[in-house]
């Protein structure tokens, strides 16, 4: 199982760091010296970081999550730059069931071979029609399909991380000193998935690394006054799928397991090609 391989190697890497780069087997095999940096050591005349990173991932030496983070870094994306923040894929598509989705069932996954704007055929046709219309008229800007981006500062990064500092402050700066209209804030996982995958005429958001690593972005721990929606409900913590049982840590655990699943590992190169070329 590829997921098990990833987790076993993650433990090995951690032990290497702790032991100063010295790896030893549990039996009487010869102890050898090894460090994580050796993944990027020149071998057979090849020292390209991307080549060596991909080779390490294919061998199961790093997890899908770490592989994507390093690809983001190579492409120039950074946690220190909201305008070029690391991007991660939607992997699961089941946010409505009462029980945890079966990660061996591909029906619970998003199609990673298609961009968000192409997941729903009906919506895709509307995008294509819009593009064709813009091509047929004398317009001041080049024709486009979506009108938004899978990852940007205000519409994605500050949208998802509005409950965390310093992103809350940056969000308010962008909105003239106050939080955005309550019904436009990130408030529900399933609602956001539905909007981004099929309902919205413009939204094609992907995710940020926090969706697979940090549950704090789902909780309003700072008690920000995010307002009240039109249905009268107060906006506070993000509404999680039923299968998470209102447990943000469990939600992150399931999301991470999905990201590290065999199904995702097999399809991930297609999504990487879509995003990074």
C-alpha atoms as a PDB file:
ATOM      1  CA  UNK A   1       0.000   0.000   0.000  1.00  0.00           C
ATOM      2  CA  UNK A   2       1.579   3.241  -1.183  1.00  0.00           C
ATOM      3  CA  UNK A   3       0.056   5.249   1.668  1.00  0.00           C
ATOM      4  CA  UNK A   4       1.652   2.892   4.199  1.00  0.00           C
ATOM      5  CA  UNK A   5       4.981   3.245   2.403  1.00  0.00           C
ATOM      6  CA  UNK A   6       4.752   7.020   2.669  1.00  0.00           C
ATOM      7  CA  UNK A   7       4.005   6.934   6.372  1.00  0.00           C
ATOM      8  CA  UNK A   8       6.761   4.398   7.099  1.00  0.00           C
ATOM      9  CA  UNK A   9       9.279   6.523   5.215  1.00  0.00           C
ATOM     10  CA  UNK A  10       8.063   9.642   7.004  1.00  0.00           C
ATOM     11  CA  UNK A  11       8.928   7.914  10.281  1.00  0.00           C
ATOM     12  CA  UNK A  12      12.333   6.982   8.875  1.00  0.00           C
ATOM     13  CA  UNK A  13      13.046  10.558   7.791  1.00  0.00           C
ATOM     14  CA  UNK A  14      12.059  11.846  11.207  1.00  0.00           C
ATOM     15  CA  UNK A  15      14.404   9.356  12.887  1.00  0.00           C
ATOM     16  CA  UNK A  16      17.215  10.468  10.594  1.00  0.00           C
ATOM     17  CA  UNK A  17      16.777  14.080  11.607  1.00  0.00           C
ATOM     18  CA  UNK A  18      16.707  13.160  15.302  1.00  0.00           C
ATOM     19  CA  UNK A  19      19.771  10.944  15.045  1.00  0.00           C
ATOM     20  CA  UNK A  20      21.827  13.466  13.123  1.00  0.00           C
ATOM     21  CA  UNK A  21      21.428  11.692   9.815  1.00  0.00           C
ATOM     22  CA  UNK A  22      22.534   8.233  10.900  1.00  0.00           C
ATOM     23  CA  UNK A  23      20.186   5.437   9.919  1.00  0.00           C
ATOM     24  CA  UNK A  24      20.432   1.969  11.398  1.00  0.00           C
ATOM     25  CA  UNK A  25      18.340  -1.110  10.779  1.00  0.00           C
ATOM     26  CA  UNK A  26      16.556  -3.035  13.503  1.00  0.00           C
ATOM     27  CA  UNK A  27      18.658  -6.139  12.727  1.00  0.00           C
ATOM     28  CA  UNK A  28      22.413  -6.647  12.478  1.00  0.00           C
ATOM     29  CA  UNK A  29      22.747  -5.153   9.007  1.00  0.00           C
ATOM     30  CA  UNK A  30      25.557  -2.694   8.492  1.00  0.00           C
ATOM     31  CA  UNK A  31      24.821   0.811   9.787  1.00  0.00           C
ATOM     32  CA  UNK A  32      25.055   3.440   7.094  1.00  0.00           C
ATOM     33  CA  UNK A  33      25.277   7.218   7.096  1.00  0.00           C
ATOM     34  CA  UNK A  34      22.396   8.993   5.345  1.00  0.00           C
ATOM     35  CA  UNK A  35      20.822  12.443   5.434  1.00  0.00           C
ATOM     36  CA  UNK A  36      17.717  13.944   3.780  1.00  0.00           C
ATOM     37  CA  UNK A  37      20.054  16.162   1.758  1.00  0.00           C
ATOM     38  CA  UNK A  38      21.296  13.060  -0.040  1.00  0.00           C
ATOM     39  CA  UNK A  39      17.996  13.029  -1.938  1.00  0.00           C
ATOM     40  CA  UNK A  40      19.364  16.017  -3.877  1.00  0.00           C
ATOM     41  CA  UNK A  41      22.954  14.832  -4.294  1.00  0.00           C
ATOM     42  CA  UNK A  42      24.313  14.662  -7.822  1.00  0.00           C
ATOM     43  CA  UNK A  43      24.075  11.165  -9.221  1.00  0.00           C
ATOM     44  CA  UNK A  44      24.827  10.024 -12.754  1.00  0.00           C
ATOM     45  CA  UNK A  45      25.333  13.648 -13.750  1.00  0.00           C
ATOM     46  CA  UNK A  46      21.811  14.651 -12.708  1.00  0.00           C
ATOM     47  CA  UNK A  47      21.446  17.225  -9.947  1.00  0.00           C
ATOM     48  CA  UNK A  48      18.231  18.977 -10.987  1.00  0.00           C
ATOM     49  CA  UNK A  49      16.142  19.484  -7.829  1.00  0.00           C
ATOM     50  CA  UNK A  50      12.846  18.747  -9.557  1.00  0.00           C
ATOM     51  CA  UNK A  51      14.142  15.515 -11.081  1.00  0.00           C
ATOM     52  CA  UNK A  52      15.519  14.299  -7.760  1.00  0.00           C
ATOM     53  CA  UNK A  53      12.389  15.368  -5.876  1.00  0.00           C
ATOM     54  CA  UNK A  54      10.156  13.470  -8.286  1.00  0.00           C
ATOM     55  CA  UNK A  55      12.385  10.416  -8.104  1.00  0.00           C
ATOM     56  CA  UNK A  56      12.199  10.464  -4.296  1.00  0.00           C
ATOM     57  CA  UNK A  57       8.403  10.756  -4.421  1.00  0.00           C
ATOM     58  CA  UNK A  58       8.068   7.879  -6.872  1.00  0.00           C
ATOM     59  CA  UNK A  59      10.152   5.736  -4.526  1.00  0.00           C
ATOM     60  CA  UNK A  60       7.843   6.583  -1.639  1.00  0.00           C
ATOM     61  CA  UNK A  61      10.485   8.508   0.302  1.00  0.00           C
ATOM     62  CA  UNK A  62       8.234  11.542   0.745  1.00  0.00           C
ATOM     63  CA  UNK A  63       4.485  11.905   1.162  1.00  0.00           C
ATOM     64  CA  UNK A  64       2.108  13.435  -1.380  1.00  0.00           C
ATOM     65  CA  UNK A  65       1.700  16.417   0.928  1.00  0.00           C
ATOM     66  CA  UNK A  66       5.434  17.093   1.183  1.00  0.00           C
ATOM     67  CA  UNK A  67       5.900  16.514  -2.532  1.00  0.00           C
ATOM     68  CA  UNK A  68       3.280  19.140  -3.351  1.00  0.00           C
ATOM     69  CA  UNK A  69       4.756  21.610  -0.866  1.00  0.00           C
ATOM     70  CA  UNK A  70       8.184  21.250  -2.453  1.00  0.00           C
ATOM     71  CA  UNK A  71       6.765  21.620  -5.959  1.00  0.00           C
ATOM     72  CA  UNK A  72       5.089  24.811  -4.792  1.00  0.00           C
ATOM     73  CA  UNK A  73       8.415  26.065  -3.435  1.00  0.00           C
ATOM     74  CA  UNK A  74      10.247  25.254  -6.669  1.00  0.00           C
ATOM     75  CA  UNK A  75       7.582  27.150  -8.623  1.00  0.00           C
ATOM     76  CA  UNK A  76       8.101  30.246  -6.454  1.00  0.00           C
ATOM     77  CA  UNK A  77       5.129  29.911  -4.117  1.00  0.00           C
ATOM     78  CA  UNK A  78       5.653  30.647  -0.437  1.00  0.00           C
ATOM     79  CA  UNK A  79       3.762  30.799   2.865  1.00  0.00           C
ATOM     80  CA  UNK A  80       5.265  34.279   3.245  1.00  0.00           C
ATOM     81  CA  UNK A  81       3.545  35.625   0.114  1.00  0.00           C
ATOM     82  CA  UNK A  82      -0.294  35.647   0.050  1.00  0.00           C
ATOM     83  CA  UNK A  83      -0.107  36.543  -3.627  1.00  0.00           C
ATOM     84  CA  UNK A  84       1.810  33.353  -4.413  1.00  0.00           C
ATOM     85  CA  UNK A  85       0.606  31.076  -1.634  1.00  0.00           C
ATOM     86  CA  UNK A  86       1.052  27.286  -1.937  1.00  0.00           C
ATOM     87  CA  UNK A  87      -1.861  25.642  -3.728  1.00  0.00           C
ATOM     88  CA  UNK A  88      -3.310  22.203  -2.987  1.00  0.00           C
ATOM     89  CA  UNK A  89      -6.021  20.217  -4.784  1.00  0.00           C
ATOM     90  CA  UNK A  90      -9.526  19.369  -3.775  1.00  0.00           C
ATOM     91  CA  UNK A  91      -9.218  15.573  -3.458  1.00  0.00           C
ATOM     92  CA  UNK A  92     -12.447  14.413  -1.826  1.00  0.00           C
ATOM     93  CA  UNK A  93     -15.860  15.181  -3.313  1.00  0.00           C
ATOM     94  CA  UNK A  94     -18.071  13.636  -0.620  1.00  0.00           C
ATOM     95  CA  UNK A  95     -18.918  16.188   2.042  1.00  0.00           C
ATOM     96  CA  UNK A  96     -22.494  15.099   2.708  1.00  0.00           C
ATOM     97  CA  UNK A  97     -22.431  11.507   3.989  1.00  0.00           C
ATOM     98  CA  UNK A  98     -22.892  10.764   7.671  1.00  0.00           C
ATOM     99  CA  UNK A  99     -20.084   8.198   7.730  1.00  0.00           C
ATOM    100  CA  UNK A 100     -16.461   8.775   6.767  1.00  0.00           C
ATOM    101  CA  UNK A 101     -16.065   8.307   2.986  1.00  0.00           C
ATOM    102  CA  UNK A 102     -14.626   4.989   1.843  1.00  0.00           C
ATOM    103  CA  UNK A 103     -11.186   6.003   0.567  1.00  0.00           C
ATOM    104  CA  UNK A 104     -10.987   2.868  -1.588  1.00  0.00           C
ATOM    105  CA  UNK A 105     -14.056   4.006  -3.559  1.00  0.00           C
ATOM    106  CA  UNK A 106     -13.137   6.359  -6.394  1.00  0.00           C
ATOM    107  CA  UNK A 107     -16.672   7.789  -6.383  1.00  0.00           C
ATOM    108  CA  UNK A 108     -15.729   9.720  -3.259  1.00  0.00           C
ATOM    109  CA  UNK A 109     -12.937  11.537  -5.085  1.00  0.00           C
ATOM    110  CA  UNK A 110     -12.745  14.579  -7.310  1.00  0.00           C
ATOM    111  CA  UNK A 111     -11.487  13.964 -10.874  1.00  0.00           C
ATOM    112  CA  UNK A 112      -7.889  15.189 -10.661  1.00  0.00           C
ATOM    113  CA  UNK A 113      -7.450  15.014 -14.435  1.00  0.00           C
ATOM    114  CA  UNK A 114      -9.721  18.039 -14.880  1.00  0.00           C
ATOM    115  CA  UNK A 115      -9.510  21.613 -13.566  1.00  0.00           C
ATOM    116  CA  UNK A 116     -12.237  22.751 -11.185  1.00  0.00           C
ATOM    117  CA  UNK A 117     -14.017  24.574 -13.993  1.00  0.00           C
ATOM    118  CA  UNK A 118     -14.388  21.383 -16.019  1.00  0.00           C
ATOM    119  CA  UNK A 119     -15.717  19.034 -13.330  1.00  0.00           C
ATOM    120  CA  UNK A 120     -19.363  19.744 -14.126  1.00  0.00           C
ATOM    121  CA  UNK A 121     -20.206  19.311 -17.854  1.00  0.00           C
ATOM    122  CA  UNK A 122     -23.128  21.739 -17.778  1.00  0.00           C
ATOM    123  CA  UNK A 123     -21.067  24.498 -16.193  1.00  0.00           C
ATOM    124  CA  UNK A 124     -18.148  23.785 -18.534  1.00  0.00           C
ATOM    125  CA  UNK A 125     -20.414  24.307 -21.548  1.00  0.00           C
ATOM    126  CA  UNK A 126     -21.410  27.696 -20.154  1.00  0.00           C
ATOM    127  CA  UNK A 127     -17.760  28.640 -19.762  1.00  0.00           C
ATOM    128  CA  UNK A 128     -17.058  27.552 -23.335  1.00  0.00           C
ATOM    129  CA  UNK A 129     -20.049  29.509 -24.644  1.00  0.00           C
ATOM    130  CA  UNK A 130     -18.846  32.615 -22.819  1.00  0.00           C
ATOM    131  CA  UNK A 131     -15.377  32.224 -24.282  1.00  0.00           C
ATOM    132  CA  UNK A 132     -16.771  31.803 -27.790  1.00  0.00           C
ATOM    133  CA  UNK A 133     -18.929  34.896 -27.349  1.00  0.00           C
ATOM    134  CA  UNK A 134     -15.972  36.975 -26.176  1.00  0.00           C
ATOM    135  CA  UNK A 135     -13.982  35.752 -29.176  1.00  0.00           C
ATOM    136  CA  UNK A 136     -16.701  36.951 -31.540  1.00  0.00           C
ATOM    137  CA  UNK A 137     -16.832  40.546 -30.301  1.00  0.00           C
ATOM    138  CA  UNK A 138     -14.342  43.390 -30.278  1.00  0.00           C
ATOM    139  CA  UNK A 139     -13.471  43.395 -26.574  1.00  0.00           C
ATOM    140  CA  UNK A 140     -10.820  45.471 -24.803  1.00  0.00           C
ATOM    141  CA  UNK A 141      -9.366  42.462 -22.936  1.00  0.00           C
ATOM    142  CA  UNK A 142      -8.496  38.976 -24.218  1.00  0.00           C
ATOM    143  CA  UNK A 143     -11.261  36.335 -24.137  1.00  0.00           C
ATOM    144  CA  UNK A 144     -11.444  34.227 -20.963  1.00  0.00           C
ATOM    145  CA  UNK A 145     -13.453  31.333 -19.538  1.00  0.00           C
ATOM    146  CA  UNK A 146     -13.598  31.638 -15.762  1.00  0.00           C
ATOM    147  CA  UNK A 147     -13.083  35.233 -14.730  1.00  0.00           C
ATOM    148  CA  UNK A 148     -11.358  34.080 -11.518  1.00  0.00           C
ATOM    149  CA  UNK A 149      -8.320  32.037 -10.498  1.00  0.00           C
ATOM    150  CA  UNK A 150      -7.757  28.771  -8.644  1.00  0.00           C
ATOM    151  CA  UNK A 151      -5.422  30.582  -6.234  1.00  0.00           C
ATOM    152  CA  UNK A 152      -5.108  34.292  -5.483  1.00  0.00           C
ATOM    153  CA  UNK A 153      -4.776  36.605  -2.496  1.00  0.00           C
ATOM    154  CA  UNK A 154      -8.255  37.909  -1.742  1.00  0.00           C
ATOM    155  CA  UNK A 155     -10.499  35.333  -3.357  1.00  0.00           C
ATOM    156  CA  UNK A 156      -8.761  32.218  -2.081  1.00  0.00           C
ATOM    157  CA  UNK A 157      -6.022  32.631   0.543  1.00  0.00           C
ATOM    158  CA  UNK A 158      -7.645  35.363   2.651  1.00  0.00           C
ATOM    159  CA  UNK A 159     -11.052  33.802   2.014  1.00  0.00           C
ATOM    160  CA  UNK A 160     -10.096  30.433   3.515  1.00  0.00           C
ATOM    161  CA  UNK A 161      -7.837  31.804   6.281  1.00  0.00           C
ATOM    162  CA  UNK A 162     -10.087  34.649   7.429  1.00  0.00           C
ATOM    163  CA  UNK A 163     -10.258  33.210  10.974  1.00  0.00           C
ATOM    164  CA  UNK A 164      -6.470  33.150  11.420  1.00  0.00           C
ATOM    165  CA  UNK A 165      -4.022  35.922  12.159  1.00  0.00           C
ATOM    166  CA  UNK A 166      -2.494  37.765  10.347  1.00  0.00           C
ATOM    167  CA  UNK A 167      -4.837  36.838   7.502  1.00  0.00           C
ATOM    168  CA  UNK A 168      -7.889  38.271   9.276  1.00  0.00           C
ATOM    169  CA  UNK A 169      -6.209  41.666   9.391  1.00  0.00           C
ATOM    170  CA  UNK A 170      -5.176  41.464   5.736  1.00  0.00           C
ATOM    171  CA  UNK A 171      -8.726  40.485   4.824  1.00  0.00           C
ATOM    172  CA  UNK A 172     -10.127  43.535   6.607  1.00  0.00           C
ATOM    173  CA  UNK A 173      -7.603  45.806   4.914  1.00  0.00           C
ATOM    174  CA  UNK A 174      -8.768  44.469   1.573  1.00  0.00           C
ATOM    175  CA  UNK A 175     -12.407  45.069   2.556  1.00  0.00           C
ATOM    176  CA  UNK A 176     -11.935  48.657   3.705  1.00  0.00           C
ATOM    177  CA  UNK A 177     -11.371  47.920   7.380  1.00  0.00           C
ATOM    178  CA  UNK A 178     -14.133  45.407   8.029  1.00  0.00           C
ATOM    179  CA  UNK A 179     -14.989  41.816   7.253  1.00  0.00           C
ATOM    180  CA  UNK A 180     -16.730  41.049   3.977  1.00  0.00           C
ATOM    181  CA  UNK A 181     -20.486  40.537   3.758  1.00  0.00           C
ATOM    182  CA  UNK A 182     -21.266  37.509   5.989  1.00  0.00           C
ATOM    183  CA  UNK A 183     -22.804  35.423   3.211  1.00  0.00           C
ATOM    184  CA  UNK A 184     -19.658  35.832   1.120  1.00  0.00           C
ATOM    185  CA  UNK A 185     -17.355  34.566   3.882  1.00  0.00           C
ATOM    186  CA  UNK A 186     -16.052  31.004   4.042  1.00  0.00           C
ATOM    187  CA  UNK A 187     -18.552  29.303   6.344  1.00  0.00           C
ATOM    188  CA  UNK A 188     -19.237  25.764   5.121  1.00  0.00           C
ATOM    189  CA  UNK A 189     -17.032  23.074   3.585  1.00  0.00           C
ATOM    190  CA  UNK A 190     -19.795  21.481   1.511  1.00  0.00           C
ATOM    191  CA  UNK A 191     -21.187  24.833   0.402  1.00  0.00           C
ATOM    192  CA  UNK A 192     -17.723  25.889  -0.762  1.00  0.00           C
ATOM    193  CA  UNK A 193     -17.215  22.616  -2.633  1.00  0.00           C
ATOM    194  CA  UNK A 194     -20.573  22.979  -4.378  1.00  0.00           C
ATOM    195  CA  UNK A 195     -19.846  26.584  -5.354  1.00  0.00           C
ATOM    196  CA  UNK A 196     -16.365  25.855  -6.659  1.00  0.00           C
ATOM    197  CA  UNK A 197     -17.150  22.586  -8.443  1.00  0.00           C
ATOM    198  CA  UNK A 198     -20.495  23.208 -10.104  1.00  0.00           C
ATOM    199  CA  UNK A 199     -22.754  26.052  -8.954  1.00  0.00           C
ATOM    200  CA  UNK A 200     -20.848  29.295  -9.389  1.00  0.00           C
ATOM    201  CA  UNK A 201     -20.491  31.034 -12.740  1.00  0.00           C
ATOM    202  CA  UNK A 202     -17.015  32.235 -11.747  1.00  0.00           C
ATOM    203  CA  UNK A 203     -15.541  30.368  -8.738  1.00  0.00           C
ATOM    204  CA  UNK A 204     -12.911  27.696  -9.445  1.00  0.00           C
ATOM    205  CA  UNK A 205     -10.963  27.749  -6.164  1.00  0.00           C
ATOM    206  CA  UNK A 206      -8.510  25.022  -5.239  1.00  0.00           C
ATOM    207  CA  UNK A 207      -7.283  24.666  -1.632  1.00  0.00           C
ATOM    208  CA  UNK A 208      -4.429  25.754   0.625  1.00  0.00           C
ATOM    209  CA  UNK A 209      -2.110  23.452   2.627  1.00  0.00           C
ATOM    210  CA  UNK A 210      -4.056  24.138   5.818  1.00  0.00           C
ATOM    211  CA  UNK A 211      -6.856  21.897   4.552  1.00  0.00           C
ATOM    212  CA  UNK A 212      -4.498  18.947   5.014  1.00  0.00           C
ATOM    213  CA  UNK A 213      -2.441  20.005   8.006  1.00  0.00           C
ATOM    214  CA  UNK A 214      -3.927  22.665  10.317  1.00  0.00           C
ATOM    215  CA  UNK A 215      -7.431  22.516  11.775  1.00  0.00           C
ATOM    216  CA  UNK A 216      -7.175  25.963  13.398  1.00  0.00           C
ATOM    217  CA  UNK A 217      -8.296  27.736  10.223  1.00  0.00           C
ATOM    218  CA  UNK A 218     -11.697  26.113  10.659  1.00  0.00           C
ATOM    219  CA  UNK A 219     -12.244  27.492  14.172  1.00  0.00           C
ATOM    220  CA  UNK A 220     -13.064  31.054  15.173  1.00  0.00           C
ATOM    221  CA  UNK A 221     -10.713  30.880  18.162  1.00  0.00           C
ATOM    222  CA  UNK A 222     -10.208  34.657  18.171  1.00  0.00           C
ATOM    223  CA  UNK A 223     -13.964  35.285  18.433  1.00  0.00           C
ATOM    224  CA  UNK A 224     -14.049  37.575  15.413  1.00  0.00           C
ATOM    225  CA  UNK A 225     -17.418  39.174  14.753  1.00  0.00           C
ATOM    226  CA  UNK A 226     -18.067  37.725  11.314  1.00  0.00           C
ATOM    227  CA  UNK A 227     -21.693  38.817  11.228  1.00  0.00           C
ATOM    228  CA  UNK A 228     -25.006  37.087  10.594  1.00  0.00           C
ATOM    229  CA  UNK A 229     -26.142  35.487   7.337  1.00  0.00           C
ATOM    230  CA  UNK A 230     -29.438  36.261   5.619  1.00  0.00           C
ATOM    231  CA  UNK A 231     -30.976  33.126   7.138  1.00  0.00           C
ATOM    232  CA  UNK A 232     -30.268  34.499  10.625  1.00  0.00           C
ATOM    233  CA  UNK A 233     -27.403  32.161  11.538  1.00  0.00           C
ATOM    234  CA  UNK A 234     -24.288  33.591  13.178  1.00  0.00           C
ATOM    235  CA  UNK A 235     -21.042  33.065  11.267  1.00  0.00           C
ATOM    236  CA  UNK A 236     -18.389  31.572  13.548  1.00  0.00           C
ATOM    237  CA  UNK A 237     -16.689  28.179  13.105  1.00  0.00           C
ATOM    238  CA  UNK A 238     -16.761  26.615   9.654  1.00  0.00           C
ATOM    239  CA  UNK A 239     -19.605  24.112   9.180  1.00  0.00           C
ATOM    240  CA  UNK A 240     -17.990  20.711   8.653  1.00  0.00           C
ATOM    241  CA  UNK A 241     -19.310  17.656   6.774  1.00  0.00           C
ATOM    242  CA  UNK A 242     -21.567  15.354   8.817  1.00  0.00           C
ATOM    243  CA  UNK A 243     -18.902  12.627   8.772  1.00  0.00           C
ATOM    244  CA  UNK A 244     -16.524  14.901  10.734  1.00  0.00           C
ATOM    245  CA  UNK A 245     -18.883  14.984  13.742  1.00  0.00           C
ATOM    246  CA  UNK A 246     -18.074  18.649  14.281  1.00  0.00           C
ATOM    247  CA  UNK A 247     -14.457  17.694  14.975  1.00  0.00           C
ATOM    248  CA  UNK A 248     -12.029  19.858  12.983  1.00  0.00           C
ATOM    249  CA  UNK A 249      -9.080  17.565  13.764  1.00  0.00           C
ATOM    250  CA  UNK A 250     -10.975  14.550  12.437  1.00  0.00           C
ATOM    251  CA  UNK A 251     -11.829  16.483   9.283  1.00  0.00           C
ATOM    252  CA  UNK A 252      -8.152  17.268   8.662  1.00  0.00           C
ATOM    253  CA  UNK A 253      -7.191  13.643   9.361  1.00  0.00           C
ATOM    254  CA  UNK A 254      -9.648  12.298   6.776  1.00  0.00           C
ATOM    255  CA  UNK A 255      -8.615  14.925   4.235  1.00  0.00           C
ATOM    256  CA  UNK A 256      -4.944  14.033   4.735  1.00  0.00           C
ATOM    257  CA  UNK A 257      -5.654  10.312   4.442  1.00  0.00           C
ATOM    258  CA  UNK A 258      -7.454  10.996   1.165  1.00  0.00           C
ATOM    259  CA  UNK A 259      -4.496  13.006  -0.107  1.00  0.00           C
ATOM    260  CA  UNK A 260      -2.124  10.163   0.757  1.00  0.00           C
ATOM    261  CA  UNK A 261      -4.386   7.434  -0.644  1.00  0.00           C
ATOM    262  CA  UNK A 262      -3.425   5.095  -3.476  1.00  0.00           C
ATOM    263  CA  UNK A 263      -6.129   6.622  -5.670  1.00  0.00           C
ATOM    264  CA  UNK A 264      -4.797  10.152  -5.198  1.00  0.00           C
ATOM    265  CA  UNK A 265      -1.190   9.043  -5.692  1.00  0.00           C
ATOM    266  CA  UNK A 266      -2.116   7.518  -9.050  1.00  0.00           C
ATOM    267  CA  UNK A 267      -3.977  10.606 -10.288  1.00  0.00           C
ATOM    268  CA  UNK A 268      -1.861  13.347  -8.718  1.00  0.00           C
ATOM    269  CA  UNK A 269       0.552  13.769 -11.677  1.00  0.00           C
ATOM    270  CA  UNK A 270      -2.389  14.829 -13.866  1.00  0.00           C
ATOM    271  CA  UNK A 271      -3.343  17.615 -11.429  1.00  0.00           C
ATOM    272  CA  UNK A 272       0.285  18.696 -11.161  1.00  0.00           C
ATOM    273  CA  UNK A 273       0.408  19.057 -14.949  1.00  0.00           C
ATOM    274  CA  UNK A 274      -2.747  21.200 -14.842  1.00  0.00           C
ATOM    275  CA  UNK A 275      -1.358  23.573 -12.211  1.00  0.00           C
ATOM    276  CA  UNK A 276       2.375  23.661 -12.797  1.00  0.00           C
ATOM    277  CA  UNK A 277       2.576  22.651 -16.464  1.00  0.00           C
END
